[in-house]
Amino acid sequence: MANRKRNIMVRFRVTPEEKSMIEEKMTQVGTSNMEAYLRKMSIDGYILKLDLPELKEMITLLRRSSNNLNQIAKRTNQTGRLYGEDMDDILQNQERLWQTANEILARLSAL
C-alpha cells in the first residue's frame, strides 16, 4: 500500500436505498467502478454525461457527405466535368451539417 498513489481510505455508510440510487446513477453514466465514481462525485460535485442524438446524426451526415464527395471527386477526375447536381448535393449536405452543429451548440449552451 506504500507504493499506491492513493493511500488514504475514506469510508462512509449508506442505506440499501441510497446504495441502489448510487448504483443506478453509475449505470446512467456508464461506469461500474464505484470507487472512481464516488471519488469523482466527491471532488467535482457532479458528472455530466451528454446524450446528444444530434451528434450521432451529425456523424452519420459526415460519413454520407464524405462518401458522396469521394464519389463526385472520382467521377470528376474520370470525366473532367463537375455537374451542377453534384454541387447542389454538396451544398445540401453542408447545410444539413451546419443545422445539426447549430442544434448541438444550442443544447450545449443550455447546460
PDB file of N, CA and C in Angstrom:
ATOM      1  N   MET A   1       0.818  -1.189   0.000  1.00  0.00           N
ATOM      2  CA  MET A   1       0.000   0.000   0.000  1.00  0.00           C
ATOM      3  C   MET A   1       0.865   1.257   0.000  1.00  0.00           C
ATOM      4  N   ALA A   2       2.122   1.145   0.389  1.00  0.00           N
ATOM      5  CA  ALA A   2       3.007   2.304   0.426  1.00  0.00           C
ATOM      6  C   ALA A   2       3.306   2.827  -0.968  1.00  0.00           C
ATOM      7  N   ASN A   3       3.250   1.966  -1.980  1.00  0.00           N
ATOM      8  CA  ASN A   3       3.544   2.375  -3.354  1.00  0.00           C
ATOM      9  C   ASN A   3       2.334   2.964  -4.069  1.00  0.00           C
ATOM     10  N   ARG A   4       1.181   2.931  -3.443  1.00  0.00           N
ATOM     11  CA  ARG A   4      -0.034   3.447  -4.073  1.00  0.00           C
ATOM     12  C   ARG A   4      -0.037   4.966  -4.092  1.00  0.00           C
ATOM     13  N   LYS A   5      -0.601   5.505  -5.155  1.00  0.00           N
ATOM     14  CA  LYS A   5      -0.761   6.951  -5.248  1.00  0.00           C
ATOM     15  C   LYS A   5      -1.820   7.429  -4.256  1.00  0.00           C
ATOM     16  N   ARG A   6      -2.872   6.656  -4.136  1.00  0.00           N
ATOM     17  CA  ARG A   6      -3.958   6.980  -3.200  1.00  0.00           C
ATOM     18  C   ARG A   6      -3.878   5.998  -2.038  1.00  0.00           C
ATOM     19  N   ASN A   7      -3.271   6.430  -0.955  1.00  0.00           N
ATOM     20  CA  ASN A   7      -3.063   5.505   0.165  1.00  0.00           C
ATOM     21  C   ASN A   7      -3.919   5.836   1.389  1.00  0.00           C
ATOM     22  N   ILE A   8      -4.842   6.784   1.270  1.00  0.00           N
ATOM     23  CA  ILE A   8      -5.738   7.116   2.374  1.00  0.00           C
ATOM     24  C   ILE A   8      -7.136   6.613   2.019  1.00  0.00           C
ATOM     25  N   MET A   9      -7.708   5.812   2.910  1.00  0.00           N
ATOM     26  CA  MET A   9      -9.031   5.261   2.658  1.00  0.00           C
ATOM     27  C   MET A   9     -10.087   6.144   3.322  1.00  0.00           C
ATOM     28  N   VAL A  10     -11.144   6.448   2.598  1.00  0.00           N
ATOM     29  CA  VAL A  10     -12.284   7.195   3.116  1.00  0.00           C
ATOM     30  C   VAL A  10     -13.491   6.270   3.030  1.00  0.00           C
ATOM     31  N   ARG A  11     -14.190   6.123   4.146  1.00  0.00           N
ATOM     32  CA  ARG A  11     -15.329   5.205   4.166  1.00  0.00           C
ATOM     33  C   ARG A  11     -16.555   5.923   4.710  1.00  0.00           C
ATOM     34  N   PHE A  12     -17.727   5.501   4.241  1.00  0.00           N
ATOM     35  CA  PHE A  12     -18.971   6.023   4.795  1.00  0.00           C
ATOM     36  C   PHE A  12     -20.059   4.987   4.600  1.00  0.00           C
ATOM     37  N   ARG A  13     -21.129   5.134   5.356  1.00  0.00           N
ATOM     38  CA  ARG A  13     -22.225   4.172   5.323  1.00  0.00           C
ATOM     39  C   ARG A  13     -23.424   4.758   4.583  1.00  0.00           C
ATOM     40  N   VAL A  14     -24.168   3.866   3.931  1.00  0.00           N
ATOM     41  CA  VAL A  14     -25.383   4.254   3.226  1.00  0.00           C
ATOM     42  C   VAL A  14     -26.466   3.232   3.517  1.00  0.00           C
ATOM     43  N   THR A  15     -27.702   3.628   3.293  1.00  0.00           N
ATOM     44  CA  THR A  15     -28.823   2.693   3.420  1.00  0.00           C
ATOM     45  C   THR A  15     -28.896   1.860   2.132  1.00  0.00           C
ATOM     46  N   PRO A  16     -29.624   0.764   2.159  1.00  0.00           N
ATOM     47  CA  PRO A  16     -29.793  -0.019   0.923  1.00  0.00           C
ATOM     48  C   PRO A  16     -30.401   0.809  -0.216  1.00  0.00           C
ATOM     49  N   GLU A  17     -31.326   1.702   0.116  1.00  0.00           N
ATOM     50  CA  GLU A  17     -31.950   2.545  -0.909  1.00  0.00           C
ATOM     51  C   GLU A  17     -30.926   3.514  -1.513  1.00  0.00           C
ATOM     52  N   GLU A  18     -30.083   4.098  -0.639  1.00  0.00           N
ATOM     53  CA  GLU A  18     -29.054   5.024  -1.122  1.00  0.00           C
ATOM     54  C   GLU A  18     -28.044   4.294  -2.014  1.00  0.00           C
ATOM     55  N   LYS A  19     -27.677   3.084  -1.602  1.00  0.00           N
ATOM     56  CA  LYS A  19     -26.732   2.296  -2.413  1.00  0.00           C
ATOM     57  C   LYS A  19     -27.337   1.990  -3.780  1.00  0.00           C
ATOM     58  N   SER A  20     -28.628   1.667  -3.782  1.00  0.00           N
ATOM     59  CA  SER A  20     -29.320   1.400  -5.042  1.00  0.00           C
ATOM     60  C   SER A  20     -29.326   2.641  -5.928  1.00  0.00           C
ATOM     61  N   MET A  21     -29.561   3.805  -5.320  1.00  0.00           N
ATOM     62  CA  MET A  21     -29.555   5.050  -6.089  1.00  0.00           C
ATOM     63  C   MET A  21     -28.168   5.335  -6.670  1.00  0.00           C
ATOM     64  N   ILE A  22     -27.137   5.094  -5.871  1.00  0.00           N
ATOM     65  CA  ILE A  22     -25.762   5.294  -6.355  1.00  0.00           C
ATOM     66  C   ILE A  22     -25.487   4.375  -7.531  1.00  0.00           C
ATOM     67  N   GLU A  23     -25.856   3.103  -7.399  1.00  0.00           N
ATOM     68  CA  GLU A  23     -25.620   2.141  -8.482  1.00  0.00           C
ATOM     69  C   GLU A  23     -26.406   2.518  -9.741  1.00  0.00           C
ATOM     70  N   GLU A  24     -27.625   3.030  -9.561  1.00  0.00           N
ATOM     71  CA  GLU A  24     -28.430   3.456 -10.702  1.00  0.00           C
ATOM     72  C   GLU A  24     -27.753   4.625 -11.437  1.00  0.00           C
ATOM     73  N   LYS A  25     -27.241   5.579 -10.675  1.00  0.00           N
ATOM     74  CA  LYS A  25     -26.559   6.719 -11.287  1.00  0.00           C
ATOM     75  C   LYS A  25     -25.261   6.277 -11.964  1.00  0.00           C
ATOM     76  N   MET A  26     -24.582   5.306 -11.372  1.00  0.00           N
ATOM     77  CA  MET A  26     -23.370   4.773 -12.008  1.00  0.00           C
ATOM     78  C   MET A  26     -23.712   4.146 -13.352  1.00  0.00           C
ATOM     79  N   THR A  27     -24.821   3.439 -13.402  1.00  0.00           N
ATOM     80  CA  THR A  27     -25.274   2.822 -14.654  1.00  0.00           C
ATOM     81  C   THR A  27     -25.592   3.891 -15.692  1.00  0.00           C
ATOM     82  N   GLN A  28     -26.221   4.974 -15.237  1.00  0.00           N
ATOM     83  CA  GLN A  28     -26.589   6.052 -16.152  1.00  0.00           C
ATOM     84  C   GLN A  28     -25.364   6.692 -16.800  1.00  0.00           C
ATOM     85  N   VAL A  29     -24.271   6.819 -16.056  1.00  0.00           N
ATOM     86  CA  VAL A  29     -23.068   7.428 -16.629  1.00  0.00           C
ATOM     87  C   VAL A  29     -22.140   6.390 -17.249  1.00  0.00           C
ATOM     88  N   GLY A  30     -22.509   5.121 -17.136  1.00  0.00           N
ATOM     89  CA  GLY A  30     -21.763   4.073 -17.826  1.00  0.00           C
ATOM     90  C   GLY A  30     -20.492   3.627 -17.124  1.00  0.00           C
ATOM     91  N   THR A  31     -20.501   3.597 -15.797  1.00  0.00           N
ATOM     92  CA  THR A  31     -19.324   3.111 -15.076  1.00  0.00           C
ATOM     93  C   THR A  31     -19.729   2.021 -14.099  1.00  0.00           C
ATOM     94  N   SER A  32     -18.815   1.113 -13.843  1.00  0.00           N
ATOM     95  CA  SER A  32     -19.065   0.076 -12.847  1.00  0.00           C
ATOM     96  C   SER A  32     -18.054   0.176 -11.701  1.00  0.00           C
ATOM     97  N   ASN A  33     -17.146   1.136 -11.770  1.00  0.00           N
ATOM     98  CA  ASN A  33     -16.124   1.328 -10.751  1.00  0.00           C
ATOM     99  C   ASN A  33     -16.640   2.326  -9.710  1.00  0.00           C
ATOM    100  N   MET A  34     -17.157   1.785  -8.598  1.00  0.00           N
ATOM    101  CA  MET A  34     -17.765   2.641  -7.581  1.00  0.00           C
ATOM    102  C   MET A  34     -16.739   3.572  -6.951  1.00  0.00           C
ATOM    103  N   GLU A  35     -15.551   3.088  -6.715  1.00  0.00           N
ATOM    104  CA  GLU A  35     -14.515   3.926  -6.108  1.00  0.00           C
ATOM    105  C   GLU A  35     -14.218   5.156  -6.967  1.00  0.00           C
ATOM    106  N   ALA A  36     -14.048   4.951  -8.271  1.00  0.00           N
ATOM    107  CA  ALA A  36     -13.771   6.065  -9.180  1.00  0.00           C
ATOM    108  C   ALA A  36     -14.976   7.002  -9.253  1.00  0.00           C
ATOM    109  N   TYR A  37     -16.178   6.429  -9.283  1.00  0.00           N
ATOM    110  CA  TYR A  37     -17.392   7.240  -9.360  1.00  0.00           C
ATOM    111  C   TYR A  37     -17.527   8.123  -8.124  1.00  0.00           C
ATOM    112  N   LEU A  38     -17.392   7.522  -6.939  1.00  0.00           N
ATOM    113  CA  LEU A  38     -17.558   8.284  -5.693  1.00  0.00           C
ATOM    114  C   LEU A  38     -16.457   9.330  -5.536  1.00  0.00           C
ATOM    115  N   ARG A  39     -15.246   9.003  -5.958  1.00  0.00           N
ATOM    116  CA  ARG A  39     -14.151   9.983  -5.893  1.00  0.00           C
ATOM    117  C   ARG A  39     -14.453  11.170  -6.801  1.00  0.00           C
ATOM    118  N   LYS A  40     -14.890  10.894  -8.026  1.00  0.00           N
ATOM    119  CA  LYS A  40     -15.218  11.950  -8.988  1.00  0.00           C
ATOM    120  C   LYS A  40     -16.358  12.820  -8.461  1.00  0.00           C
ATOM    121  N   MET A  41     -17.390  12.199  -7.925  1.00  0.00           N
ATOM    122  CA  MET A  41     -18.519  12.950  -7.398  1.00  0.00           C
ATOM    123  C   MET A  41     -18.102  13.779  -6.187  1.00  0.00           C
ATOM    124  N   SER A  42     -17.244  13.235  -5.335  1.00  0.00           N
ATOM    125  CA  SER A  42     -16.806  13.960  -4.145  1.00  0.00           C
ATOM    126  C   SER A  42     -15.946  15.165  -4.494  1.00  0.00           C
ATOM    127  N   ILE A  43     -15.110  15.037  -5.495  1.00  0.00           N
ATOM    128  CA  ILE A  43     -14.199  16.120  -5.857  1.00  0.00           C
ATOM    129  C   ILE A  43     -14.889  17.158  -6.737  1.00  0.00           C
ATOM    130  N   ASP A  44     -15.578  16.714  -7.768  1.00  0.00           N
ATOM    131  CA  ASP A  44     -16.164  17.649  -8.731  1.00  0.00           C
ATOM    132  C   ASP A  44     -17.606  18.027  -8.426  1.00  0.00           C
ATOM    133  N   GLY A  45     -18.269  17.223  -7.636  1.00  0.00           N
ATOM    134  CA  GLY A  45     -19.639  17.546  -7.282  1.00  0.00           C
ATOM    135  C   GLY A  45     -20.675  17.004  -8.249  1.00  0.00           C
ATOM    136  N   TYR A  46     -20.280  16.734  -9.478  1.00  0.00           N
ATOM    137  CA  TYR A  46     -21.217  16.189 -10.447  1.00  0.00           C
ATOM    138  C   TYR A  46     -20.446  15.542 -11.598  1.00  0.00           C
ATOM    139  N   ILE A  47     -21.139  14.672 -12.284  1.00  0.00           N
ATOM    140  CA  ILE A  47     -20.617  14.062 -13.505  1.00  0.00           C
ATOM    141  C   ILE A  47     -21.623  14.363 -14.588  1.00  0.00           C
ATOM    142  N   LEU A  48     -21.148  14.819 -15.714  1.00  0.00           N
ATOM    143  CA  LEU A  48     -22.033  15.187 -16.810  1.00  0.00           C
ATOM    144  C   LEU A  48     -21.838  14.198 -17.951  1.00  0.00           C
ATOM    145  N   LYS A  49     -22.895  13.487 -18.270  1.00  0.00           N
ATOM    146  CA  LYS A  49     -22.866  12.582 -19.420  1.00  0.00           C
ATOM    147  C   LYS A  49     -23.864  13.116 -20.426  1.00  0.00           C
ATOM    148  N   LEU A  50     -23.362  13.497 -21.580  1.00  0.00           N
ATOM    149  CA  LEU A  50     -24.214  14.091 -22.592  1.00  0.00           C
ATOM    150  C   LEU A  50     -24.814  13.016 -23.484  1.00  0.00           C
ATOM    151  N   ASP A  51     -26.102  13.092 -23.659  1.00  0.00           N
ATOM    152  CA  ASP A  51     -26.787  12.222 -24.601  1.00  0.00           C
ATOM    153  C   ASP A  51     -27.303  13.122 -25.711  1.00  0.00           C
ATOM    154  N   LEU A  52     -26.527  13.195 -26.779  1.00  0.00           N
ATOM    155  CA  LEU A  52     -26.867  14.089 -27.882  1.00  0.00           C
ATOM    156  C   LEU A  52     -27.132  13.277 -29.147  1.00  0.00           C
ATOM    157  N   PRO A  53     -28.408  12.953 -29.392  1.00  0.00           N
ATOM    158  CA  PRO A  53     -28.705  12.220 -30.624  1.00  0.00           C
ATOM    159  C   PRO A  53     -28.314  13.029 -31.855  1.00  0.00           C
ATOM    160  N   GLU A  54     -28.301  14.381 -31.701  1.00  0.00           N
ATOM    161  CA  GLU A  54     -27.892  15.229 -32.827  1.00  0.00           C
ATOM    162  C   GLU A  54     -26.439  14.955 -33.215  1.00  0.00           C
ATOM    163  N   LEU A  55     -25.611  14.619 -32.227  1.00  0.00           N
ATOM    164  CA  LEU A  55     -24.206  14.322 -32.519  1.00  0.00           C
ATOM    165  C   LEU A  55     -24.089  13.039 -33.337  1.00  0.00           C
ATOM    166  N   LYS A  56     -24.896  12.045 -32.993  1.00  0.00           N
ATOM    167  CA  LYS A  56     -24.904  10.803 -33.771  1.00  0.00           C
ATOM    168  C   LYS A  56     -25.369  11.080 -35.201  1.00  0.00           C
ATOM    169  N   GLU A  57     -26.390  11.938 -35.312  1.00  0.00           N
ATOM    170  CA  GLU A  57     -26.886  12.295 -36.637  1.00  0.00           C
ATOM    171  C   GLU A  57     -25.809  13.026 -37.433  1.00  0.00           C
ATOM    172  N   MET A  58     -25.080  13.902 -36.752  1.00  0.00           N
ATOM    173  CA  MET A  58     -24.029  14.652 -37.436  1.00  0.00           C
ATOM    174  C   MET A  58     -22.923  13.723 -37.936  1.00  0.00           C
ATOM    175  N   ILE A  59     -22.563  12.738 -37.146  1.00  0.00           N
ATOM    176  CA  ILE A  59     -21.546  11.774 -37.574  1.00  0.00           C
ATOM    177  C   ILE A  59     -22.032  11.011 -38.799  1.00  0.00           C
ATOM    178  N   THR A  60     -23.306  10.617 -38.795  1.00  0.00           N
ATOM    179  CA  THR A  60     -23.877   9.937 -39.958  1.00  0.00           C
ATOM    180  C   THR A  60     -23.840  10.839 -41.184  1.00  0.00           C
ATOM    181  N   LEU A  61     -24.220  12.112 -40.996  1.00  0.00           N
ATOM    182  CA  LEU A  61     -24.186  13.063 -42.113  1.00  0.00           C
ATOM    183  C   LEU A  61     -22.765  13.269 -42.627  1.00  0.00           C
ATOM    184  N   LEU A  62     -21.805  13.333 -41.726  1.00  0.00           N
ATOM    185  CA  LEU A  62     -20.402  13.496 -42.142  1.00  0.00           C
ATOM    186  C   LEU A  62     -19.937  12.300 -42.968  1.00  0.00           C
ATOM    187  N   ARG A  63     -20.325  11.099 -42.551  1.00  0.00           N
ATOM    188  CA  ARG A  63     -19.945   9.897 -43.312  1.00  0.00           C
ATOM    189  C   ARG A  63     -20.562   9.920 -44.713  1.00  0.00           C
ATOM    190  N   ARG A  64     -21.854  10.237 -44.763  1.00  0.00           N
ATOM    191  CA  ARG A  64     -22.529  10.293 -46.069  1.00  0.00           C
ATOM    192  C   ARG A  64     -21.904  11.367 -46.955  1.00  0.00           C
ATOM    193  N   SER A  65     -21.665  12.522 -46.366  1.00  0.00           N
ATOM    194  CA  SER A  65     -21.088  13.628 -47.125  1.00  0.00           C
ATOM    195  C   SER A  65     -19.706  13.253 -47.653  1.00  0.00           C
ATOM    196  N   SER A  66     -18.909  12.611 -46.813  1.00  0.00           N
ATOM    197  CA  SER A  66     -17.571  12.186 -47.248  1.00  0.00           C
ATOM    198  C   SER A  66     -17.653  11.172 -48.378  1.00  0.00           C
ATOM    199  N   ASN A  67     -18.558  10.218 -48.240  1.00  0.00           N
ATOM    200  CA  ASN A  67     -18.719   9.214 -49.301  1.00  0.00           C
ATOM    201  C   ASN A  67     -19.162   9.865 -50.609  1.00  0.00           C
ATOM    202  N   ASN A  68     -20.150  10.772 -50.515  1.00  0.00           N
ATOM    203  CA  ASN A  68     -20.633  11.455 -51.714  1.00  0.00           C
ATOM    204  C   ASN A  68     -19.532  12.285 -52.351  1.00  0.00           C
ATOM    205  N   LEU A  69     -18.785  12.994 -51.526  1.00  0.00           N
ATOM    206  CA  LEU A  69     -17.701  13.829 -52.035  1.00  0.00           C
ATOM    207  C   LEU A  69     -16.636  12.984 -52.731  1.00  0.00           C
ATOM    208  N   ASN A  70     -16.324  11.829 -52.160  1.00  0.00           N
ATOM    209  CA  ASN A  70     -15.344  10.931 -52.795  1.00  0.00           C
ATOM    210  C   ASN A  70     -15.859  10.426 -54.138  1.00  0.00           C
ATOM    211  N   GLN A  71     -17.134  10.076 -54.199  1.00  0.00           N
ATOM    212  CA  GLN A  71     -17.703   9.610 -55.461  1.00  0.00           C
ATOM    213  C   GLN A  71     -17.707  10.715 -56.511  1.00  0.00           C
ATOM    214  N   ILE A  72     -18.044  11.930 -56.083  1.00  0.00           N
ATOM    215  CA  ILE A  72     -18.044  13.069 -57.011  1.00  0.00           C
ATOM    216  C   ILE A  72     -16.629  13.352 -57.503  1.00  0.00           C
ATOM    217  N   ALA A  73     -15.663  13.320 -56.597  1.00  0.00           N
ATOM    218  CA  ALA A  73     -14.269  13.571 -56.982  1.00  0.00           C
ATOM    219  C   ALA A  73     -13.781  12.511 -57.964  1.00  0.00           C
ATOM    220  N   LYS A  74     -14.132  11.265 -57.716  1.00  0.00           N
ATOM    221  CA  LYS A  74     -13.720  10.182 -58.618  1.00  0.00           C
ATOM    222  C   LYS A  74     -14.326  10.385 -60.004  1.00  0.00           C
ATOM    223  N   ARG A  75     -15.625  10.676 -60.046  1.00  0.00           N
ATOM    224  CA  ARG A  75     -16.290  10.889 -61.328  1.00  0.00           C
ATOM    225  C   ARG A  75     -15.723  12.119 -62.046  1.00  0.00           C
ATOM    226  N   THR A  76     -15.452  13.187 -61.292  1.00  0.00           N
ATOM    227  CA  THR A  76     -14.887  14.404 -61.890  1.00  0.00           C
ATOM    228  C   THR A  76     -13.511  14.123 -62.460  1.00  0.00           C
ATOM    229  N   ASN A  77     -12.712  13.363 -61.749  1.00  0.00           N
ATOM    230  CA  ASN A  77     -11.383  13.011 -62.258  1.00  0.00           C
ATOM    231  C   ASN A  77     -11.463  12.141 -63.508  1.00  0.00           C
ATOM    232  N   GLN A  78     -12.454  11.269 -63.571  1.00  0.00           N
ATOM    233  CA  GLN A  78     -12.600  10.393 -64.726  1.00  0.00           C
ATOM    234  C   GLN A  78     -13.126  11.140 -65.946  1.00  0.00           C
ATOM    235  N   THR A  79     -14.102  12.020 -65.725  1.00  0.00           N
ATOM    236  CA  THR A  79     -14.762  12.680 -66.859  1.00  0.00           C
ATOM    237  C   THR A  79     -14.225  14.082 -67.127  1.00  0.00           C
ATOM    238  N   GLY A  80     -13.570  14.676 -66.123  1.00  0.00           N
ATOM    239  CA  GLY A  80     -13.088  16.043 -66.282  1.00  0.00           C
ATOM    240  C   GLY A  80     -14.199  17.071 -66.170  1.00  0.00           C
ATOM    241  N   ARG A  81     -15.386  16.652 -65.690  1.00  0.00           N
ATOM    242  CA  ARG A  81     -16.522  17.568 -65.577  1.00  0.00           C
ATOM    243  C   ARG A  81     -17.124  17.494 -64.172  1.00  0.00           C
ATOM    244  N   LEU A  82     -17.565  18.631 -63.697  1.00  0.00           N
ATOM    245  CA  LEU A  82     -18.278  18.708 -62.425  1.00  0.00           C
ATOM    246  C   LEU A  82     -19.700  19.149 -62.736  1.00  0.00           C
ATOM    247  N   TYR A  83     -20.654  18.361 -62.340  1.00  0.00           N
ATOM    248  CA  TYR A  83     -22.043  18.621 -62.667  1.00  0.00           C
ATOM    249  C   TYR A  83     -22.720  19.485 -61.607  1.00  0.00           C
ATOM    250  N   GLY A  84     -23.700  20.254 -62.040  1.00  0.00           N
ATOM    251  CA  GLY A  84     -24.450  21.123 -61.128  1.00  0.00           C
ATOM    252  C   GLY A  84     -25.171  20.349 -60.042  1.00  0.00           C
ATOM    253  N   GLU A  85     -25.675  19.162 -60.380  1.00  0.00           N
ATOM    254  CA  GLU A  85     -26.361  18.324 -59.391  1.00  0.00           C
ATOM    255  C   GLU A  85     -25.403  17.919 -58.284  1.00  0.00           C
ATOM    256  N   ASP A  86     -24.150  17.670 -58.667  1.00  0.00           N
ATOM    257  CA  ASP A  86     -23.147  17.306 -57.668  1.00  0.00           C
ATOM    258  C   ASP A  86     -22.908  18.467 -56.702  1.00  0.00           C
ATOM    259  N   MET A  87     -22.819  19.666 -57.247  1.00  0.00           N
ATOM    260  CA  MET A  87     -22.612  20.840 -56.395  1.00  0.00           C
ATOM    261  C   MET A  87     -23.824  21.063 -55.488  1.00  0.00           C
ATOM    262  N   ASP A  88     -25.023  20.876 -56.025  1.00  0.00           N
ATOM    263  CA  ASP A  88     -26.231  21.013 -55.212  1.00  0.00           C
ATOM    264  C   ASP A  88     -26.231  20.007 -54.064  1.00  0.00           C
ATOM    265  N   ASP A  89     -25.812  18.775 -54.356  1.00  0.00           N
ATOM    266  CA  ASP A  89     -25.743  17.727 -53.342  1.00  0.00           C
ATOM    267  C   ASP A  89     -24.754  18.116 -52.240  1.00  0.00           C
ATOM    268  N   ILE A  90     -23.599  18.612 -52.627  1.00  0.00           N
ATOM    269  CA  ILE A  90     -22.592  19.033 -51.651  1.00  0.00           C
ATOM    270  C   ILE A  90     -23.141  20.163 -50.786  1.00  0.00           C
ATOM    271  N   LEU A  91     -23.765  21.142 -51.401  1.00  0.00           N
ATOM    272  CA  LEU A  91     -24.316  22.278 -50.656  1.00  0.00           C
ATOM    273  C   LEU A  91     -25.420  21.844 -49.695  1.00  0.00           C
ATOM    274  N   GLN A  92     -26.278  20.932 -50.123  1.00  0.00           N
ATOM    275  CA  GLN A  92     -27.350  20.438 -49.252  1.00  0.00           C
ATOM    276  C   GLN A  92     -26.767  19.706 -48.044  1.00  0.00           C
ATOM    277  N   ASN A  93     -25.763  18.872 -48.299  1.00  0.00           N
ATOM    278  CA  ASN A  93     -25.122  18.154 -47.195  1.00  0.00           C
ATOM    279  C   ASN A  93     -24.475  19.118 -46.215  1.00  0.00           C
ATOM    280  N   GLN A  94     -23.809  20.131 -46.739  1.00  0.00           N
ATOM    281  CA  GLN A  94     -23.172  21.123 -45.867  1.00  0.00           C
ATOM    282  C   GLN A  94     -24.222  21.877 -45.043  1.00  0.00           C
ATOM    283  N   GLU A  95     -25.339  22.200 -45.639  1.00  0.00           N
ATOM    284  CA  GLU A  95     -26.398  22.904 -44.920  1.00  0.00           C
ATOM    285  C   GLU A  95     -26.945  22.044 -43.786  1.00  0.00           C
ATOM    286  N   ARG A  96     -27.157  20.747 -44.055  1.00  0.00           N
ATOM    287  CA  ARG A  96     -27.646  19.849 -43.006  1.00  0.00           C
ATOM    288  C   ARG A  96     -26.626  19.717 -41.881  1.00  0.00           C
ATOM    289  N   LEU A  97     -25.336  19.666 -42.248  1.00  0.00           N
ATOM    290  CA  LEU A  97     -24.292  19.581 -41.226  1.00  0.00           C
ATOM    291  C   LEU A  97     -24.285  20.831 -40.352  1.00  0.00           C
ATOM    292  N   TRP A  98     -24.411  22.012 -40.971  1.00  0.00           N
ATOM    293  CA  TRP A  98     -24.431  23.257 -40.198  1.00  0.00           C
ATOM    294  C   TRP A  98     -25.655  23.322 -39.296  1.00  0.00           C
ATOM    295  N   GLN A  99     -26.797  22.890 -39.782  1.00  0.00           N
ATOM    296  CA  GLN A  99     -28.006  22.901 -38.960  1.00  0.00           C
ATOM    297  C   GLN A  99     -27.833  21.996 -37.742  1.00  0.00           C
ATOM    298  N   THR A 100     -27.283  20.811 -37.979  1.00  0.00           N
ATOM    299  CA  THR A 100     -27.073  19.869 -36.882  1.00  0.00           C
ATOM    300  C   THR A 100     -26.059  20.420 -35.889  1.00  0.00           C
ATOM    301  N   ALA A 101     -24.984  21.028 -36.385  1.00  0.00           N
ATOM    302  CA  ALA A 101     -23.982  21.629 -35.498  1.00  0.00           C
ATOM    303  C   ALA A 101     -24.606  22.731 -34.660  1.00  0.00           C
ATOM    304  N   ASN A 102     -25.456  23.531 -35.258  1.00  0.00           N
ATOM    305  CA  ASN A 102     -26.127  24.596 -34.502  1.00  0.00           C
ATOM    306  C   ASN A 102     -27.062  24.037 -33.440  1.00  0.00           C
ATOM    307  N   GLU A 103     -27.745  22.937 -33.750  1.00  0.00           N
ATOM    308  CA  GLU A 103     -28.612  22.295 -32.749  1.00  0.00           C
ATOM    309  C   GLU A 103     -27.787  21.793 -31.564  1.00  0.00           C
ATOM    310  N   ILE A 104     -26.643  21.193 -31.869  1.00  0.00           N
ATOM    311  CA  ILE A 104     -25.764  20.693 -30.799  1.00  0.00           C
ATOM    312  C   ILE A 104     -25.274  21.846 -29.937  1.00  0.00           C
ATOM    313  N   LEU A 105     -24.826  22.914 -30.571  1.00  0.00           N
ATOM    314  CA  LEU A 105     -24.341  24.077 -29.821  1.00  0.00           C
ATOM    315  C   LEU A 105     -25.439  24.687 -28.966  1.00  0.00           C
ATOM    316  N   ALA A 106     -26.659  24.730 -29.486  1.00  0.00           N
ATOM    317  CA  ALA A 106     -27.777  25.284 -28.719  1.00  0.00           C
ATOM    318  C   ALA A 106     -28.050  24.433 -27.489  1.00  0.00           C
ATOM    319  N   ARG A 107     -28.004  23.123 -27.645  1.00  0.00           N
ATOM    320  CA  ARG A 107     -28.236  22.241 -26.487  1.00  0.00           C
ATOM    321  C   ARG A 107     -27.121  22.362 -25.477  1.00  0.00           C
ATOM    322  N   LEU A 108     -25.878  22.477 -25.952  1.00  0.00           N
ATOM    323  CA  LEU A 108     -24.746  22.604 -25.034  1.00  0.00           C
ATOM    324  C   LEU A 108     -24.794  23.928 -24.282  1.00  0.00           C
ATOM    325  N   SER A 109     -25.191  24.992 -24.959  1.00  0.00           N
ATOM    326  CA  SER A 109     -25.240  26.291 -24.289  1.00  0.00           C
ATOM    327  C   SER A 109     -26.349  26.361 -23.252  1.00  0.00           C
ATOM    328  N   ALA A 110     -27.329  25.479 -23.360  1.00  0.00           N
ATOM    329  CA  ALA A 110     -28.423  25.453 -22.374  1.00  0.00           C
ATOM    330  C   ALA A 110     -28.024  24.734 -21.100  1.00  0.00           C
ATOM    331  N   LEU A 111     -26.880  24.066 -21.109  1.00  0.00           N
ATOM    332  CA  LEU A 111     -26.454  23.322 -19.908  1.00  0.00           C
ATOM    333  C   LEU A 111     -25.926  24.239 -18.834  1.00  0.00           C
TER     334      LEU A 111
END
